[in-house]
N, C-alpha and C. Protein backbone atom coordinates (compact mmCIF):
# COMPACT_ATOMS: atom_id res chain seq x y z
N MET A 1 -16.10 -79.69 -4.63
CA MET A 1 -14.71 -80.10 -4.75
C MET A 1 -14.29 -80.83 -3.47
N ARG A 2 -14.66 -80.29 -2.36
CA ARG A 2 -14.28 -80.89 -1.07
C ARG A 2 -14.84 -82.31 -0.94
N SER A 3 -16.08 -82.49 -1.37
CA SER A 3 -16.68 -83.83 -1.27
C SER A 3 -15.99 -84.81 -2.21
N ALA A 4 -15.55 -84.33 -3.37
CA ALA A 4 -14.81 -85.20 -4.29
C ALA A 4 -13.48 -85.61 -3.69
N GLN A 5 -12.84 -84.68 -2.99
CA GLN A 5 -11.57 -85.00 -2.34
C GLN A 5 -11.78 -86.03 -1.23
N LYS A 6 -12.85 -85.90 -0.50
CA LYS A 6 -13.15 -86.87 0.58
C LYS A 6 -13.38 -88.25 -0.01
N ARG A 7 -14.16 -88.31 -1.10
CA ARG A 7 -14.43 -89.60 -1.73
C ARG A 7 -13.16 -90.25 -2.26
N ALA A 8 -12.24 -89.42 -2.76
CA ALA A 8 -11.00 -89.95 -3.32
C ALA A 8 -9.98 -90.29 -2.23
N GLY A 9 -10.30 -89.98 -0.99
CA GLY A 9 -9.39 -90.29 0.09
C GLY A 9 -8.37 -89.20 0.37
N TYR A 10 -8.64 -87.99 -0.09
CA TYR A 10 -7.73 -86.87 0.14
C TYR A 10 -7.78 -86.45 1.60
N ASP A 11 -6.62 -86.35 2.23
CA ASP A 11 -6.53 -85.97 3.63
C ASP A 11 -6.00 -84.54 3.72
N ASN A 12 -6.90 -83.60 3.95
CA ASN A 12 -6.51 -82.19 3.98
C ASN A 12 -5.68 -81.85 5.22
N LYS A 13 -5.76 -82.65 6.26
CA LYS A 13 -4.97 -82.39 7.46
C LYS A 13 -3.51 -82.78 7.27
N ASN A 14 -3.26 -83.75 6.41
CA ASN A 14 -1.90 -84.20 6.09
C ASN A 14 -1.74 -84.29 4.57
N PRO A 15 -1.73 -83.16 3.87
CA PRO A 15 -1.73 -83.21 2.41
C PRO A 15 -0.48 -83.84 1.79
N ARG A 16 0.64 -83.78 2.46
CA ARG A 16 1.86 -84.37 1.89
C ARG A 16 1.82 -85.90 1.89
N HIS A 17 1.01 -86.48 2.76
CA HIS A 17 0.89 -87.93 2.79
C HIS A 17 0.11 -88.45 1.58
N ASN A 18 -0.64 -87.58 0.94
CA ASN A 18 -1.39 -87.99 -0.24
C ASN A 18 -0.46 -88.36 -1.39
N ASN A 19 0.72 -87.77 -1.43
CA ASN A 19 1.66 -88.06 -2.50
C ASN A 19 2.13 -89.51 -2.47
N ASP A 20 2.14 -90.12 -1.30
CA ASP A 20 2.56 -91.52 -1.20
C ASP A 20 1.58 -92.46 -1.89
N ALA A 21 0.33 -92.02 -2.02
CA ALA A 21 -0.69 -92.86 -2.64
C ALA A 21 -0.75 -92.70 -4.15
N LEU A 22 0.02 -91.78 -4.71
CA LEU A 22 -0.01 -91.56 -6.15
C LEU A 22 0.55 -92.78 -6.88
N GLU A 23 0.02 -93.01 -8.07
CA GLU A 23 0.48 -94.12 -8.91
C GLU A 23 0.62 -93.63 -10.34
N GLY A 24 1.41 -94.34 -11.12
CA GLY A 24 1.52 -94.05 -12.55
C GLY A 24 2.04 -92.65 -12.83
N TRP A 25 1.33 -91.96 -13.73
CA TRP A 25 1.75 -90.66 -14.20
C TRP A 25 1.89 -89.66 -13.05
N GLY A 26 0.96 -89.66 -12.12
CA GLY A 26 1.01 -88.74 -10.99
C GLY A 26 2.23 -88.97 -10.12
N ALA A 27 2.57 -90.22 -9.88
CA ALA A 27 3.75 -90.54 -9.07
C ALA A 27 5.02 -90.10 -9.79
N ARG A 28 5.07 -90.31 -11.11
CA ARG A 28 6.25 -89.88 -11.87
C ARG A 28 6.37 -88.36 -11.88
N ALA A 29 5.23 -87.66 -11.99
CA ALA A 29 5.26 -86.20 -11.98
C ALA A 29 5.77 -85.68 -10.64
N TYR A 30 5.32 -86.29 -9.58
CA TYR A 30 5.77 -85.88 -8.24
C TYR A 30 7.26 -86.16 -8.06
N ALA A 31 7.72 -87.32 -8.53
CA ALA A 31 9.14 -87.68 -8.41
C ALA A 31 10.01 -86.75 -9.25
N ALA A 32 9.55 -86.40 -10.46
CA ALA A 32 10.31 -85.48 -11.31
C ALA A 32 10.44 -84.12 -10.65
N ASN A 33 9.37 -83.66 -10.04
CA ASN A 33 9.41 -82.38 -9.34
C ASN A 33 10.39 -82.42 -8.17
N ALA A 34 10.32 -83.47 -7.38
CA ALA A 34 11.22 -83.59 -6.22
C ALA A 34 12.68 -83.66 -6.67
N ASN A 35 12.95 -84.42 -7.73
CA ASN A 35 14.32 -84.57 -8.20
C ASN A 35 14.86 -83.26 -8.75
N THR A 36 14.01 -82.51 -9.44
CA THR A 36 14.43 -81.23 -9.98
C THR A 36 14.76 -80.25 -8.86
N LEU A 37 13.96 -80.24 -7.82
CA LEU A 37 14.25 -79.36 -6.68
C LEU A 37 15.54 -79.76 -5.98
N GLU A 38 15.81 -81.06 -5.91
CA GLU A 38 17.06 -81.52 -5.30
C GLU A 38 18.27 -81.07 -6.12
N ALA A 39 18.15 -81.12 -7.45
CA ALA A 39 19.26 -80.73 -8.32
C ALA A 39 19.51 -79.23 -8.28
N LEU A 40 18.49 -78.46 -7.95
CA LEU A 40 18.62 -77.01 -7.89
C LEU A 40 19.68 -76.57 -6.89
N VAL A 41 19.81 -77.28 -5.80
CA VAL A 41 20.82 -76.96 -4.79
C VAL A 41 22.22 -77.06 -5.38
N PHE A 42 22.47 -78.10 -6.14
CA PHE A 42 23.81 -78.31 -6.70
C PHE A 42 24.16 -77.28 -7.75
N ILE A 43 23.24 -77.03 -8.68
CA ILE A 43 23.55 -76.08 -9.76
C ILE A 43 23.68 -74.67 -9.22
N THR A 44 22.87 -74.32 -8.23
CA THR A 44 22.97 -72.98 -7.65
C THR A 44 24.33 -72.79 -6.99
N SER A 45 24.77 -73.77 -6.23
CA SER A 45 26.07 -73.68 -5.56
C SER A 45 27.21 -73.61 -6.57
N ALA A 46 27.18 -74.48 -7.56
CA ALA A 46 28.26 -74.52 -8.55
C ALA A 46 28.32 -73.24 -9.37
N THR A 47 27.17 -72.74 -9.77
CA THR A 47 27.14 -71.51 -10.57
C THR A 47 27.59 -70.32 -9.74
N ALA A 48 27.13 -70.24 -8.51
CA ALA A 48 27.54 -69.12 -7.64
C ALA A 48 29.05 -69.14 -7.41
N MET A 49 29.61 -70.31 -7.20
CA MET A 49 31.06 -70.40 -6.99
C MET A 49 31.81 -69.91 -8.23
N ASN A 50 31.30 -70.25 -9.41
CA ASN A 50 31.96 -69.82 -10.64
C ASN A 50 31.80 -68.33 -10.88
N ILE A 51 30.61 -67.81 -10.63
CA ILE A 51 30.37 -66.38 -10.87
C ILE A 51 31.19 -65.53 -9.92
N PHE A 52 31.15 -65.86 -8.64
CA PHE A 52 31.91 -65.06 -7.67
C PHE A 52 33.42 -65.25 -7.85
N GLY A 53 33.82 -66.42 -8.25
CA GLY A 53 35.24 -66.66 -8.53
C GLY A 53 35.69 -65.95 -9.80
N ALA A 54 34.79 -65.81 -10.77
CA ALA A 54 35.14 -65.18 -12.04
C ALA A 54 35.33 -63.68 -11.91
N ARG A 55 34.73 -63.08 -10.90
CA ARG A 55 34.87 -61.63 -10.72
C ARG A 55 36.33 -61.22 -10.56
N LYS A 56 37.09 -62.03 -9.86
CA LYS A 56 38.49 -61.65 -9.66
C LYS A 56 39.34 -61.97 -10.88
N TYR A 57 38.79 -62.73 -11.84
CA TYR A 57 39.53 -63.06 -13.06
C TYR A 57 38.98 -62.34 -14.28
N GLY A 58 38.05 -61.42 -14.09
CA GLY A 58 37.61 -60.59 -15.20
C GLY A 58 36.42 -61.09 -15.99
N GLY A 59 35.53 -61.85 -15.42
CA GLY A 59 34.31 -62.24 -16.12
C GLY A 59 34.02 -63.72 -16.07
N VAL A 60 32.81 -64.05 -16.47
CA VAL A 60 32.37 -65.44 -16.47
C VAL A 60 32.91 -66.12 -17.72
N ALA A 61 33.53 -67.26 -17.56
CA ALA A 61 34.12 -67.99 -18.67
C ALA A 61 33.05 -68.58 -19.58
N THR A 62 33.41 -68.74 -20.84
CA THR A 62 32.50 -69.35 -21.80
C THR A 62 32.15 -70.77 -21.39
N ALA A 63 33.10 -71.49 -20.84
CA ALA A 63 32.84 -72.86 -20.41
C ALA A 63 31.80 -72.89 -19.29
N THR A 64 31.84 -71.91 -18.40
CA THR A 64 30.85 -71.83 -17.33
C THR A 64 29.45 -71.69 -17.91
N MET A 65 29.33 -70.79 -18.88
CA MET A 65 28.03 -70.60 -19.52
C MET A 65 27.59 -71.86 -20.27
N ALA A 66 28.53 -72.51 -20.95
CA ALA A 66 28.19 -73.71 -21.72
C ALA A 66 27.70 -74.83 -20.81
N PHE A 67 28.40 -75.08 -19.71
CA PHE A 67 27.97 -76.13 -18.79
C PHE A 67 26.64 -75.78 -18.13
N SER A 68 26.43 -74.50 -17.86
CA SER A 68 25.15 -74.09 -17.27
C SER A 68 24.00 -74.30 -18.26
N ILE A 69 24.24 -74.00 -19.53
CA ILE A 69 23.21 -74.20 -20.55
C ILE A 69 22.92 -75.68 -20.73
N ILE A 70 23.97 -76.50 -20.73
CA ILE A 70 23.76 -77.96 -20.83
C ILE A 70 22.89 -78.44 -19.68
N PHE A 71 23.18 -77.96 -18.48
CA PHE A 71 22.38 -78.34 -17.32
C PHE A 71 20.92 -77.93 -17.51
N ILE A 72 20.70 -76.69 -17.91
CA ILE A 72 19.33 -76.18 -18.07
C ILE A 72 18.56 -76.98 -19.12
N VAL A 73 19.20 -77.28 -20.24
CA VAL A 73 18.52 -78.05 -21.30
C VAL A 73 18.18 -79.45 -20.80
N CYS A 74 19.14 -80.10 -20.15
CA CYS A 74 18.89 -81.45 -19.63
C CYS A 74 17.77 -81.46 -18.60
N ARG A 75 17.78 -80.46 -17.72
CA ARG A 75 16.75 -80.42 -16.68
C ARG A 75 15.40 -79.98 -17.24
N ALA A 76 15.40 -79.25 -18.35
CA ALA A 76 14.13 -78.84 -18.97
C ALA A 76 13.42 -80.03 -19.60
N ILE A 77 14.19 -80.95 -20.19
CA ILE A 77 13.55 -82.13 -20.80
C ILE A 77 13.34 -83.26 -19.80
N TYR A 78 14.03 -83.20 -18.68
CA TYR A 78 13.96 -84.26 -17.67
C TYR A 78 12.54 -84.57 -17.21
N PRO A 79 11.73 -83.58 -16.83
CA PRO A 79 10.37 -83.91 -16.37
C PRO A 79 9.52 -84.59 -17.44
N PHE A 80 9.70 -84.18 -18.70
CA PHE A 80 8.93 -84.81 -19.77
C PHE A 80 9.34 -86.28 -19.94
N LEU A 81 10.64 -86.54 -19.85
CA LEU A 81 11.11 -87.93 -19.93
C LEU A 81 10.60 -88.74 -18.75
N TYR A 82 10.51 -88.12 -17.60
CA TYR A 82 9.99 -88.79 -16.40
C TYR A 82 8.50 -89.07 -16.56
N HIS A 83 7.75 -88.06 -17.01
CA HIS A 83 6.30 -88.22 -17.15
C HIS A 83 5.93 -89.30 -18.15
N TYR A 84 6.68 -89.35 -19.25
CA TYR A 84 6.35 -90.31 -20.31
C TYR A 84 7.11 -91.63 -20.16
N ASP A 85 7.70 -91.85 -19.00
CA ASP A 85 8.31 -93.13 -18.63
C ASP A 85 9.42 -93.57 -19.59
N LYS A 86 10.27 -92.64 -19.96
CA LYS A 86 11.43 -92.93 -20.81
C LYS A 86 12.66 -93.00 -19.91
N ASP A 87 12.75 -94.10 -19.16
CA ASP A 87 13.75 -94.18 -18.10
C ASP A 87 15.20 -94.12 -18.58
N ALA A 88 15.53 -94.73 -19.70
CA ALA A 88 16.91 -94.71 -20.17
C ALA A 88 17.32 -93.29 -20.58
N PHE A 89 16.45 -92.60 -21.29
CA PHE A 89 16.74 -91.22 -21.69
C PHE A 89 16.77 -90.29 -20.48
N ARG A 90 15.86 -90.55 -19.54
CA ARG A 90 15.81 -89.75 -18.31
C ARG A 90 17.12 -89.89 -17.54
N THR A 91 17.62 -91.11 -17.43
CA THR A 91 18.89 -91.34 -16.74
C THR A 91 20.03 -90.64 -17.46
N GLY A 92 20.01 -90.69 -18.78
CA GLY A 92 21.03 -89.99 -19.56
C GLY A 92 21.00 -88.49 -19.33
N ALA A 93 19.80 -87.92 -19.30
CA ALA A 93 19.66 -86.48 -19.04
C ALA A 93 20.14 -86.14 -17.64
N TRP A 94 19.82 -87.00 -16.69
CA TRP A 94 20.25 -86.77 -15.31
C TRP A 94 21.78 -86.83 -15.20
N VAL A 95 22.38 -87.87 -15.81
CA VAL A 95 23.83 -88.03 -15.75
C VAL A 95 24.53 -86.83 -16.40
N LEU A 96 24.05 -86.42 -17.57
CA LEU A 96 24.66 -85.29 -18.25
C LEU A 96 24.53 -84.00 -17.44
N SER A 97 23.38 -83.81 -16.80
CA SER A 97 23.21 -82.61 -15.98
C SER A 97 24.13 -82.64 -14.76
N MET A 98 24.31 -83.81 -14.16
CA MET A 98 25.20 -83.90 -13.00
C MET A 98 26.67 -83.79 -13.40
N ILE A 99 27.03 -84.26 -14.59
CA ILE A 99 28.39 -84.06 -15.09
C ILE A 99 28.65 -82.58 -15.29
N SER A 100 27.64 -81.86 -15.77
CA SER A 100 27.78 -80.41 -15.93
C SER A 100 28.01 -79.73 -14.60
N VAL A 101 27.28 -80.14 -13.58
CA VAL A 101 27.47 -79.57 -12.24
C VAL A 101 28.86 -79.89 -11.72
N LEU A 102 29.29 -81.13 -11.90
CA LEU A 102 30.62 -81.53 -11.45
C LEU A 102 31.69 -80.72 -12.17
N ALA A 103 31.52 -80.51 -13.47
CA ALA A 103 32.47 -79.70 -14.23
C ALA A 103 32.51 -78.27 -13.71
N LEU A 104 31.35 -77.73 -13.36
CA LEU A 104 31.31 -76.37 -12.80
C LEU A 104 32.04 -76.29 -11.47
N PHE A 105 31.84 -77.29 -10.62
CA PHE A 105 32.57 -77.31 -9.34
C PHE A 105 34.08 -77.40 -9.57
N ILE A 106 34.49 -78.27 -10.47
CA ILE A 106 35.92 -78.43 -10.76
C ILE A 106 36.49 -77.12 -11.31
N MET A 107 35.75 -76.48 -12.21
CA MET A 107 36.23 -75.22 -12.78
C MET A 107 36.37 -74.13 -11.72
N SER A 108 35.48 -74.14 -10.74
CA SER A 108 35.57 -73.11 -9.71
C SER A 108 36.82 -73.28 -8.85
N PHE A 109 37.30 -74.50 -8.72
CA PHE A 109 38.51 -74.73 -7.94
C PHE A 109 39.78 -74.54 -8.76
N ILE A 110 39.68 -74.68 -10.06
CA ILE A 110 40.85 -74.51 -10.94
C ILE A 110 41.22 -73.04 -11.07
N HIS A 111 40.22 -72.16 -11.11
CA HIS A 111 40.48 -70.73 -11.30
C HIS A 111 41.36 -70.26 -10.21
């Protein structure tokens, strides 16, 4: 395995630099992973604000759950759309997931 990595130009001393050399499907897979991890920060913050804010109002609102589910569904299909190069649908899934996050943030301030 190590010799195959050497032949392919794999640099074990700087493994993250190997991602820059990816092309096609591999590059899209890496980008989808990075984008999903970036979105995780936003949804975690928005959901936490709603959950902790809902405690003083007697529970998590149905709208909070609905927007969270919309986000999860959009982000679940997002990597597949990225991998199979469906850019228009991928952008739509991304926009809808970010609208869900924005709605969660707005709801946390309205309560």
